[in-house]
C-alpha atoms as a PDB file:
ATOM      1  CA  MET A   1      23.423 -19.962   1.675  1.00  0.00           C
ATOM      2  CA  LYS A   2      24.842 -17.706  -0.897  1.00  0.00           C
ATOM      3  CA  SER A   3      22.321 -18.799  -3.862  1.00  0.00           C
ATOM      4  CA  LEU A   4      19.376 -18.338  -1.464  1.00  0.00           C
ATOM      5  CA  LYS A   5      20.297 -14.401  -0.269  1.00  0.00           C
ATOM      6  CA  ARG A   6      21.298 -13.910  -4.332  1.00  0.00           C
ATOM      7  CA  ASN A   7      17.527 -15.249  -5.148  1.00  0.00           C
ATOM      8  CA  PHE A   8      15.966 -13.271  -2.249  1.00  0.00           C
ATOM      9  CA  VAL A   9      17.638 -10.044  -3.413  1.00  0.00           C
ATOM     10  CA  GLN A  10      16.816 -10.444  -7.491  1.00  0.00           C
ATOM     11  CA  ILE A  11      13.208 -11.252  -6.186  1.00  0.00           C
ATOM     12  CA  ILE A  12      13.058  -8.144  -3.946  1.00  0.00           C
ATOM     13  CA  ASP A  13      14.780  -5.786  -6.675  1.00  0.00           C
ATOM     14  CA  LYS A  14      12.280  -7.032  -9.099  1.00  0.00           C
ATOM     15  CA  HIS A  15       9.459  -6.599  -7.132  1.00  0.00           C
ATOM     16  CA  GLN A  16      10.013  -3.719  -4.451  1.00  0.00           C
ATOM     17  CA  GLY A  17       7.381  -1.538  -6.277  1.00  0.00           C
ATOM     18  CA  ILE A  18       4.554  -3.499  -4.428  1.00  0.00           C
ATOM     19  CA  ILE A  19       6.470  -2.674  -1.433  1.00  0.00           C
ATOM     20  CA  ASN A  20       7.070   0.562  -1.829  1.00  0.00           C
ATOM     21  CA  SER A  21       3.376   1.197  -3.149  1.00  0.00           C
ATOM     22  CA  LEU A  22       2.361  -0.321   0.531  1.00  0.00           C
ATOM     23  CA  CYS A  23       4.563   2.019   2.245  1.00  0.00           C
ATOM     24  CA  LYS A  24       3.396   5.013   0.358  1.00  0.00           C
ATOM     25  CA  ALA A  25      -0.219   4.099   0.985  1.00  0.00           C
ATOM     26  CA  TYR A  26      -0.092   3.986   4.408  1.00  0.00           C
ATOM     27  CA  TYR A  27       2.641   6.425   5.682  1.00  0.00           C
ATOM     28  CA  LEU A  28       3.293  10.112   4.400  1.00  0.00           C
ATOM     29  CA  ASP A  29       6.575  10.620   6.170  1.00  0.00           C
ATOM     30  CA  PRO A  30       9.613   9.313   4.240  1.00  0.00           C
ATOM     31  CA  ASN A  31      11.006   7.980   7.203  1.00  0.00           C
ATOM     32  CA  ASP A  32       8.279   5.875   8.155  1.00  0.00           C
ATOM     33  CA  GLN A  33       8.209   4.579   4.528  1.00  0.00           C
ATOM     34  CA  LYS A  34      11.905   3.499   5.011  1.00  0.00           C
ATOM     35  CA  ASP A  35      11.187   2.039   8.195  1.00  0.00           C
ATOM     36  CA  THR A  36       8.115   0.007   7.008  1.00  0.00           C
ATOM     37  CA  PHE A  37       9.885  -1.134   3.864  1.00  0.00           C
ATOM     38  CA  GLN A  38      12.760  -2.595   6.008  1.00  0.00           C
ATOM     39  CA  ASP A  39      10.329  -4.114   8.371  1.00  0.00           C
ATOM     40  CA  ILE A  40       8.455  -5.534   5.285  1.00  0.00           C
ATOM     41  CA  ILE A  41      12.027  -6.731   4.038  1.00  0.00           C
ATOM     42  CA  PHE A  42      12.711  -8.338   7.447  1.00  0.00           C
ATOM     43  CA  GLN A  43       9.348 -10.285   7.571  1.00  0.00           C
ATOM     44  CA  LEU A  44       9.943 -11.535   3.875  1.00  0.00           C
ATOM     45  CA  TRP A  45      13.542 -12.808   4.761  1.00  0.00           C
ATOM     46  CA  LYS A  46      12.328 -14.823   7.805  1.00  0.00           C
ATOM     47  CA  SER A  47       9.706 -16.412   5.721  1.00  0.00           C
ATOM     48  CA  PHE A  48      11.374 -16.834   2.588  1.00  0.00           C
ATOM     49  CA  ASP A  49      12.269 -20.318   2.952  1.00  0.00           C
ATOM     50  CA  THR A  50       9.165 -21.354   3.874  1.00  0.00           C
ATOM     51  CA  PHE A  51       7.410 -19.981   0.315  1.00  0.00           C
ATOM     52  CA  ARG A  52       5.864 -23.038  -1.357  1.00  0.00           C
ATOM     53  CA  GLY A  53       4.985 -21.507  -4.415  1.00  0.00           C
ATOM     54  CA  ALA A  54       1.450 -21.999  -4.371  1.00  0.00           C
ATOM     55  CA  SER A  55       0.636 -18.475  -5.324  1.00  0.00           C
ATOM     56  CA  GLU A  56       2.892 -15.780  -7.402  1.00  0.00           C
ATOM     57  CA  ILE A  57       5.793 -14.548  -5.773  1.00  0.00           C
ATOM     58  CA  SER A  58       4.159 -10.836  -6.175  1.00  0.00           C
ATOM     59  CA  THR A  59       1.127 -12.191  -4.270  1.00  0.00           C
ATOM     60  CA  TRP A  60       3.115 -13.779  -1.418  1.00  0.00           C
ATOM     61  CA  ILE A  61       5.208 -10.490  -1.203  1.00  0.00           C
ATOM     62  CA  TYR A  62       1.874  -8.329  -1.211  1.00  0.00           C
ATOM     63  CA  ARG A  63       0.353 -10.532   1.547  1.00  0.00           C
ATOM     64  CA  VAL A  64       3.589 -10.348   3.784  1.00  0.00           C
ATOM     65  CA  GLY A  65       3.764  -6.590   3.032  1.00  0.00           C
ATOM     66  CA  LEU A  66       0.317  -5.871   4.056  1.00  0.00           C
ATOM     67  CA  ASN A  67      -0.045  -7.978   6.960  1.00  0.00           C
ATOM     68  CA  THR A  68       3.249  -6.560   8.300  1.00  0.00           C
ATOM     69  CA  ILE A  69       1.795  -2.880   7.863  1.00  0.00           C
ATOM     70  CA  LEU A  70      -1.461  -3.827   9.562  1.00  0.00           C
ATOM     71  CA  ALA A  71       0.154  -5.506  12.296  1.00  0.00           C
ATOM     72  CA  LYS A  72       2.514  -2.391  12.636  1.00  0.00           C
ATOM     73  CA  VAL A  73      -0.880  -0.201  12.455  1.00  0.00           C
ATOM     74  CA  ARG A  74      -2.274  -2.346  15.261  1.00  0.00           C
ATOM     75  CA  LYS A  75       0.363  -1.613  17.176  1.00  0.00           C
ATOM     76  CA  GLU A  76       0.749   1.911  16.688  1.00  0.00           C
ATOM     77  CA  LYS A  77      -2.938   2.365  17.432  1.00  0.00           C
ATOM     78  CA  ARG A  78      -2.514   0.982  20.864  1.00  0.00           C
ATOM     79  CA  GLY A  79      -0.512   3.972  21.952  1.00  0.00           C
ATOM     80  CA  ILE A  80       3.067   4.058  20.481  1.00  0.00           C
ATOM     81  CA  SER A  81       3.293   7.426  18.907  1.00  0.00           C
ATOM     82  CA  THR A  82       4.554   7.338  15.154  1.00  0.00           C
ATOM     83  CA  GLU A  83       3.145   9.609  12.245  1.00  0.00           C
ATOM     84  CA  TYR A  84       0.350   7.279  11.381  1.00  0.00           C
ATOM     85  CA  ILE A  85      -1.943   8.630   8.504  1.00  0.00           C
ATOM     86  CA  ASN A  86      -5.566   8.576   9.146  1.00  0.00           C
ATOM     87  CA  ALA A  87      -8.261  10.210   7.050  1.00  0.00           C
ATOM     88  CA  SER A  88      -8.543  13.531   8.991  1.00  0.00           C
ATOM     89  CA  HIS A  89      -4.693  13.741   9.162  1.00  0.00           C
ATOM     90  CA  ALA A  90      -4.441  13.028   5.483  1.00  0.00           C
ATOM     91  CA  ASN A  91      -6.910  15.644   4.793  1.00  0.00           C
ATOM     92  CA  LYS A  92      -5.162  18.309   6.633  1.00  0.00           C
ATOM     93  CA  SER A  93      -2.015  17.374   4.694  1.00  0.00           C
ATOM     94  CA  ILE A  94      -3.814  17.643   1.801  1.00  0.00           C
ATOM     95  CA  SER A  95      -4.986  21.072   2.326  1.00  0.00           C
ATOM     96  CA  LYS A  96      -1.217  22.020   3.569  1.00  0.00           C
ATOM     97  CA  ALA A  97       0.864  19.974   0.970  1.00  0.00           C
ATOM     98  CA  ILE A  98       1.920  21.928  -2.457  1.00  0.00           C
ATOM     99  CA  ALA A  99       1.897  19.031  -4.895  1.00  0.00           C
ATOM    100  CA  ASP A 100       4.816  19.350  -7.447  1.00  0.00           C
ATOM    101  CA  ASP A 101       2.687  17.187  -9.550  1.00  0.00           C
ATOM    102  CA  ASP A 102      -0.581  15.087  -9.926  1.00  0.00           C
ATOM    103  CA  LEU A 103       1.029  12.115  -8.991  1.00  0.00           C
ATOM    104  CA  GLN A 104       1.938  13.157  -5.559  1.00  0.00           C
ATOM    105  CA  LEU A 105      -1.364  14.663  -4.758  1.00  0.00           C
ATOM    106  CA  LEU A 106      -2.898  11.569  -5.969  1.00  0.00           C
ATOM    107  CA  HIS A 107      -0.614   9.521  -3.529  1.00  0.00           C
ATOM    108  CA  ILE A 108      -1.600  11.800  -0.785  1.00  0.00           C
ATOM    109  CA  ILE A 109      -5.321  11.377  -1.533  1.00  0.00           C
ATOM    110  CA  ILE A 110      -5.128   7.580  -1.521  1.00  0.00           C
ATOM    111  CA  GLN A 111      -3.721   7.512   2.072  1.00  0.00           C
ATOM    112  CA  SER A 112      -7.288   9.010   3.224  1.00  0.00           C
ATOM    113  CA  LEU A 113      -8.851   5.957   2.363  1.00  0.00           C
ATOM    114  CA  ASN A 114      -9.803   3.213   4.599  1.00  0.00           C
ATOM    115  CA  HIS A 115      -7.403   0.186   4.684  1.00  0.00           C
ATOM    116  CA  LEU A 116      -9.485  -2.030   2.623  1.00  0.00           C
ATOM    117  CA  ASP A 117      -9.911   0.613  -0.052  1.00  0.00           C
ATOM    118  CA  LYS A 118      -6.108   1.342  -0.111  1.00  0.00           C
ATOM    119  CA  ALA A 119      -5.497  -2.100  -0.629  1.00  0.00           C
ATOM    120  CA  ILE A 120      -7.635  -2.469  -3.415  1.00  0.00           C
ATOM    121  CA  VAL A 121      -6.248   0.375  -5.285  1.00  0.00           C
ATOM    122  CA  ILE A 122      -2.616  -0.488  -4.828  1.00  0.00           C
ATOM    123  CA  LEU A 123      -3.373  -4.070  -6.277  1.00  0.00           C
ATOM    124  CA  HIS A 124      -5.250  -2.447  -8.953  1.00  0.00           C
ATOM    125  CA  LEU A 125      -2.601   0.273  -9.831  1.00  0.00           C
ATOM    126  CA  GLU A 126      -0.175  -2.764  -9.698  1.00  0.00           C
ATOM    127  CA  GLY A 127      -1.811  -4.389 -12.825  1.00  0.00           C
ATOM    128  CA  TYR A 128      -4.066  -6.954 -10.501  1.00  0.00           C
ATOM    129  CA  ARG A 129      -7.212  -7.941 -12.023  1.00  0.00           C
ATOM    130  CA  ASN A 130     -10.261  -8.137 -10.039  1.00  0.00           C
ATOM    131  CA  LYS A 131     -10.118 -11.588  -9.650  1.00  0.00           C
ATOM    132  CA  GLU A 132      -6.886 -11.942  -8.091  1.00  0.00           C
ATOM    133  CA  ILE A 133      -7.647  -8.896  -6.094  1.00  0.00           C
ATOM    134  CA  SER A 134     -10.822 -10.739  -4.586  1.00  0.00           C
ATOM    135  CA  GLN A 135      -8.575 -13.779  -4.097  1.00  0.00           C
ATOM    136  CA  LEU A 136      -6.216 -11.970  -2.433  1.00  0.00           C
ATOM    137  CA  LEU A 137      -8.147 -10.255   0.205  1.00  0.00           C
ATOM    138  CA  LYS A 138     -11.081 -12.692   0.326  1.00  0.00           C
ATOM    139  CA  LEU A 139     -13.676 -10.542  -1.255  1.00  0.00           C
ATOM    140  CA  THR A 140     -16.190 -11.993  -4.186  1.00  0.00           C
ATOM    141  CA  PRO A 141     -15.099 -10.315  -7.687  1.00  0.00           C
ATOM    142  CA  THR A 142     -18.415  -8.118  -7.624  1.00  0.00           C
ATOM    143  CA  ASN A 143     -17.382  -6.748  -4.410  1.00  0.00           C
ATOM    144  CA  VAL A 144     -14.322  -5.661  -5.813  1.00  0.00           C
ATOM    145  CA  SER A 145     -15.759  -4.325  -8.823  1.00  0.00           C
ATOM    146  CA  THR A 146     -18.553  -2.398  -6.862  1.00  0.00           C
ATOM    147  CA  ARG A 147     -15.648  -0.799  -4.766  1.00  0.00           C
ATOM    148  CA  LEU A 148     -13.294  -0.114  -7.637  1.00  0.00           C
ATOM    149  CA  ASN A 149     -16.089   2.199  -8.724  1.00  0.00           C
ATOM    150  CA  ARG A 150     -16.728   3.678  -5.780  1.00  0.00           C
ATOM    151  CA  ILE A 151     -13.368   4.398  -5.109  1.00  0.00           C
ATOM    152  CA  ARG A 152     -12.659   5.920  -8.628  1.00  0.00           C
ATOM    153  CA  THR A 153     -15.568   8.177  -7.936  1.00  0.00           C
ATOM    154  CA  GLU A 154     -14.198   9.533  -4.792  1.00  0.00           C
ATOM    155  CA  LEU A 155     -10.756  10.021  -6.002  1.00  0.00           C
ATOM    156  CA  LYS A 156     -11.851  11.774  -8.706  1.00  0.00           C
ATOM    157  CA  SER A 157     -13.962  14.278  -6.509  1.00  0.00           C
ATOM    158  CA  LYS A 158     -11.265  14.724  -4.083  1.00  0.00           C
ATOM    159  CA  PHE A 159      -8.695  15.127  -7.082  1.00  0.00           C
ATOM    160  CA  LYS A 160     -10.667  17.908  -8.469  1.00  0.00           C
ATOM    161  CA  ILE A 161     -11.141  19.541  -5.445  1.00  0.00           C
ATOM    162  CA  GLN A 162      -7.712  19.462  -4.454  1.00  0.00           C
ATOM    163  CA  ASN A 163      -6.069  20.278  -7.800  1.00  0.00           C
ATOM    164  CA  TYR A 164      -8.463  23.206  -8.252  1.00  0.00           C
ATOM    165  CA  GLU A 165      -7.090  24.505  -4.396  1.00  0.00           C
ATOM    166  CA  PHE A 166      -3.639  24.279  -5.452  1.00  0.00           C
ATOM    167  CA  LYS A 167      -4.004  25.890  -8.854  1.00  0.00           C
END
């Protein structure tokens, strides 16, 4: 049991960036991010002994993380009130936020994307190739490529507008 725990902790330490990226993309509030991070870790631990190695460990972590967040989002939409970031709320946050740096502003803008586009951006920023993203999200590689181009254009546009407003 101790070696299983040690192995799990090492894997989480190595891949916690994926989890953090997911949490930041879906939640603005740092407390919600921490809660969601813990929820994902719990789900990973519960299913750790069932990981068969059919995919990369990072792919498995991403899938469990995204499924955990989407389940949480669905639960929140049913009436449990927490600070879920939707596009209109994110736009208000962008207007109110004073970005200390461009990276913080970019995170805020990414939060305004729809679920699928957010997932594509996160995977792309984590270094996944279009083919890997397509397999993870069950899309065609062409669809991923097209969406990435549209997302880049949208992000550039929003980033320029918001960056101009903050200066």
